[in-house]
Amino acid sequence: MKVIKEAKLIHCDLKPENILFKSIDNLNLKVIDFGSACFEGHSIFNYIQSRYYRSPEVILGLPYDAAIDMWSVGCICAELFLGIPIFPGNSEYDMLQRITEVLGPMPQHLIMKSKQRDKFFMYNPQTGYFRLKSFEEFQITTGIRLDVPQKYIELYSLDDLKTIFLNKK
């Protein structure tokens, strides 16, 4: 990641399949598949990152930088620990729902700048804030039918990872 950052590159598709062991002896890793990569400040694609590793800013249609690769690395590390993806959404809406469930609501300033704001969020005049649409609201307002999300693990906060870890010992 340090070499990629120094080259001012954004990989845009970090996932377990794109990280290989170069050598088992000293655990050298090799990052592959730069087909979606771009230079910082020159993002060319809107639809990037494999779904389970997609960052909130990409889902929301916001400008992105190398931070999206670090998001993916964090998702990969959590997957190595859990044995399953941390955010295994079956759609972008499901991804946002799972991310929000674990990390809390999206910051309002990001929602306000989002190209996808009206697709994923509803304004609540009583609170003066946007909130993520419910599963039903999303389907009704967008006309998109979604599969009912499956729960693979009960994870409602990052602290839940600590509980899982302690139970594995």
Protein backbone atom coordinates (compact mmCIF):
# COMPACT_ATOMS: atom_id res chain seq x y z
CA MET A 1 0.00 0.00 0.00
CA LYS A 2 2.90 2.32 0.75
CA VAL A 3 4.38 1.80 -2.73
CA ILE A 4 1.00 2.34 -4.40
CA LYS A 5 0.45 5.54 -2.39
CA GLU A 6 3.95 6.85 -3.19
CA ALA A 7 3.20 6.30 -6.89
CA LYS A 8 0.01 8.38 -6.37
CA LEU A 9 -2.07 5.47 -7.64
CA ILE A 10 -5.49 4.28 -6.55
CA HIS A 11 -5.89 0.55 -7.18
CA CYS A 12 -9.73 0.75 -7.12
CA ASP A 13 -10.29 -3.02 -6.85
CA LEU A 14 -8.49 -4.39 -3.82
CA LYS A 15 -9.99 -7.70 -2.74
CA PRO A 16 -8.52 -11.00 -1.52
CA GLU A 17 -8.28 -12.37 -5.08
CA ASN A 18 -6.00 -9.47 -6.05
CA ILE A 19 -3.46 -10.04 -3.27
CA LEU A 20 -1.05 -12.90 -3.80
CA PHE A 21 1.77 -14.40 -1.79
CA LYS A 22 5.00 -13.77 -3.64
CA SER A 23 6.91 -15.92 -1.20
CA ILE A 24 5.69 -18.04 1.71
CA ASP A 25 9.10 -17.93 3.38
CA ASN A 26 9.06 -14.22 4.22
CA LEU A 27 5.39 -13.46 3.50
CA ASN A 28 5.99 -11.09 0.61
CA LEU A 29 2.74 -10.02 -0.98
CA LYS A 30 2.04 -8.97 -4.53
CA VAL A 31 -0.92 -6.81 -5.55
CA ILE A 32 -2.29 -7.63 -8.99
CA ASP A 33 -4.99 -6.48 -11.44
CA PHE A 34 -4.51 -2.76 -11.93
CA GLY A 35 -7.16 -2.72 -14.67
CA SER A 36 -9.36 -0.25 -12.77
CA ALA A 37 -6.47 1.76 -11.31
CA CYS A 38 -6.06 5.48 -11.81
CA PHE A 39 -3.79 8.25 -10.65
CA GLU A 40 -4.94 10.37 -7.72
CA GLY A 41 -6.91 13.34 -8.98
CA HIS A 42 -7.66 11.59 -12.30
CA SER A 43 -10.46 9.21 -11.42
CA ILE A 44 -12.04 7.98 -14.63
CA PHE A 45 -14.55 5.34 -13.54
CA ASN A 46 -17.69 5.75 -11.43
CA TYR A 47 -18.39 2.03 -11.02
CA ILE A 48 -15.33 0.67 -9.24
CA GLN A 49 -14.41 -1.65 -6.39
CA SER A 50 -15.87 -5.11 -5.94
CA ARG A 51 -19.08 -4.93 -3.94
CA TYR A 52 -18.01 -6.36 -0.56
CA TYR A 53 -14.98 -4.04 -0.50
CA ARG A 54 -16.68 -0.91 -1.92
CA SER A 55 -16.28 2.25 0.13
CA PRO A 56 -19.17 4.48 1.15
CA GLU A 57 -17.92 7.39 -0.97
CA VAL A 58 -17.96 5.22 -4.08
CA ILE A 59 -21.48 3.94 -3.32
CA LEU A 60 -22.64 7.51 -2.73
CA GLY A 61 -21.09 8.78 -5.98
CA LEU A 62 -18.68 11.12 -4.21
CA PRO A 63 -15.18 12.06 -5.38
CA TYR A 64 -12.69 9.46 -4.21
CA ASP A 65 -9.00 9.18 -3.46
CA ALA A 66 -6.55 6.59 -2.11
CA ALA A 67 -8.67 6.27 1.05
CA ILE A 68 -10.97 3.89 -0.85
CA ASP A 69 -8.09 1.41 -1.07
CA MET A 70 -7.57 1.63 2.69
CA TRP A 71 -11.29 0.96 3.16
CA SER A 72 -10.88 -2.18 1.06
CA VAL A 73 -7.81 -3.24 3.06
CA GLY A 74 -9.81 -2.83 6.28
CA CYS A 75 -12.61 -4.98 4.84
CA ILE A 76 -10.08 -7.63 3.80
CA CYS A 77 -8.49 -7.66 7.27
CA ALA A 78 -11.91 -8.05 8.90
CA GLU A 79 -12.69 -10.89 6.49
CA LEU A 80 -9.44 -12.66 7.36
CA PHE A 81 -10.40 -12.41 11.02
CA LEU A 82 -14.09 -13.34 10.67
CA GLY A 83 -13.75 -15.91 7.91
CA ILE A 84 -16.51 -14.14 5.93
CA PRO A 85 -16.83 -10.65 4.43
CA ILE A 86 -17.69 -7.99 7.00
CA PHE A 87 -20.20 -6.27 4.66
CA PRO A 88 -21.58 -9.02 2.37
CA GLY A 89 -24.27 -6.88 0.75
CA ASN A 90 -26.26 -8.17 -2.20
CA SER A 91 -26.79 -4.61 -3.53
CA GLU A 92 -25.40 -1.13 -2.95
CA TYR A 93 -28.40 -0.39 -0.73
CA ASP A 94 -27.69 -3.52 1.31
CA MET A 95 -24.03 -2.47 1.58
CA LEU A 96 -25.02 0.95 2.96
CA GLN A 97 -27.47 -0.70 5.36
CA ARG A 98 -24.77 -3.02 6.71
CA ILE A 99 -22.13 -0.28 6.94
CA THR A 100 -24.58 2.00 8.77
CA GLU A 101 -25.58 -0.82 11.11
CA VAL A 102 -21.98 -1.37 12.20
CA LEU A 103 -20.42 2.10 11.94
CA GLY A 104 -23.43 4.34 12.53
CA PRO A 105 -25.20 6.83 10.28
CA MET A 106 -23.41 8.39 7.33
CA PRO A 107 -22.17 11.90 8.11
CA GLN A 108 -24.72 14.47 6.95
CA HIS A 109 -22.11 16.50 5.04
CA LEU A 110 -21.36 13.44 2.87
CA ILE A 111 -25.04 12.76 2.26
CA MET A 112 -25.56 16.39 1.23
CA LYS A 113 -22.80 16.11 -1.43
CA SER A 114 -23.88 12.67 -2.64
CA LYS A 115 -25.04 12.21 -6.23
CA GLN A 116 -27.07 9.26 -4.89
CA ARG A 117 -28.67 11.13 -1.98
CA ASP A 118 -32.26 10.86 -3.13
CA LYS A 119 -31.82 7.22 -4.11
CA PHE A 120 -30.65 6.04 -0.69
CA PHE A 121 -31.77 8.67 1.83
CA MET A 122 -34.93 10.46 2.97
CA TYR A 123 -35.06 13.86 4.60
CA ASN A 124 -36.76 13.96 7.98
CA PRO A 125 -38.18 17.48 8.50
CA GLN A 126 -38.70 16.86 12.24
CA THR A 127 -35.00 16.21 12.86
CA GLY A 128 -33.60 18.24 9.97
CA TYR A 129 -31.44 15.26 8.95
CA PHE A 130 -31.29 12.69 6.21
CA ARG A 131 -31.68 9.04 7.16
CA LEU A 132 -31.11 5.86 5.21
CA LYS A 133 -34.33 4.65 3.61
CA SER A 134 -35.83 1.45 4.95
CA PHE A 135 -35.69 -1.65 2.77
CA GLU A 136 -39.33 -1.10 1.75
CA GLU A 137 -38.92 2.65 1.14
CA PHE A 138 -35.92 2.02 -1.10
CA GLN A 139 -37.82 -0.47 -3.24
CA ILE A 140 -40.93 1.73 -3.52
CA THR A 141 -39.10 4.98 -4.33
CA THR A 142 -36.62 3.48 -6.79
CA GLY A 143 -38.74 0.73 -8.33
CA ILE A 144 -35.80 -1.63 -7.76
CA ARG A 145 -36.69 -5.07 -6.37
CA LEU A 146 -34.09 -6.37 -3.98
CA ASP A 147 -33.46 -9.82 -2.62
CA VAL A 148 -34.12 -10.01 1.09
CA PRO A 149 -30.73 -9.56 2.77
CA GLN A 150 -29.29 -12.56 4.61
CA LYS A 151 -27.47 -12.26 7.90
CA TYR A 152 -24.31 -14.35 8.10
CA ILE A 153 -23.15 -12.92 11.40
CA GLU A 154 -24.70 -10.75 14.11
CA LEU A 155 -22.47 -7.70 13.90
CA TYR A 156 -23.91 -4.40 15.10
CA SER A 157 -20.75 -2.52 16.05
CA LEU A 158 -17.00 -2.84 15.85
CA ASP A 159 -17.07 -3.83 19.53
CA ASP A 160 -18.89 -6.98 18.42
CA LEU A 161 -15.64 -8.04 16.73
CA LYS A 162 -14.00 -8.04 20.16
CA THR A 163 -16.72 -10.35 21.50
CA ILE A 164 -16.31 -12.69 18.54
CA PHE A 165 -12.55 -12.71 19.04
CA LEU A 166 -12.84 -13.52 22.75
CA ASN A 167 -15.28 -16.35 22.02
CA LYS A 168 -12.88 -17.88 19.46
CA LYS A 169 -10.11 -18.27 22.03
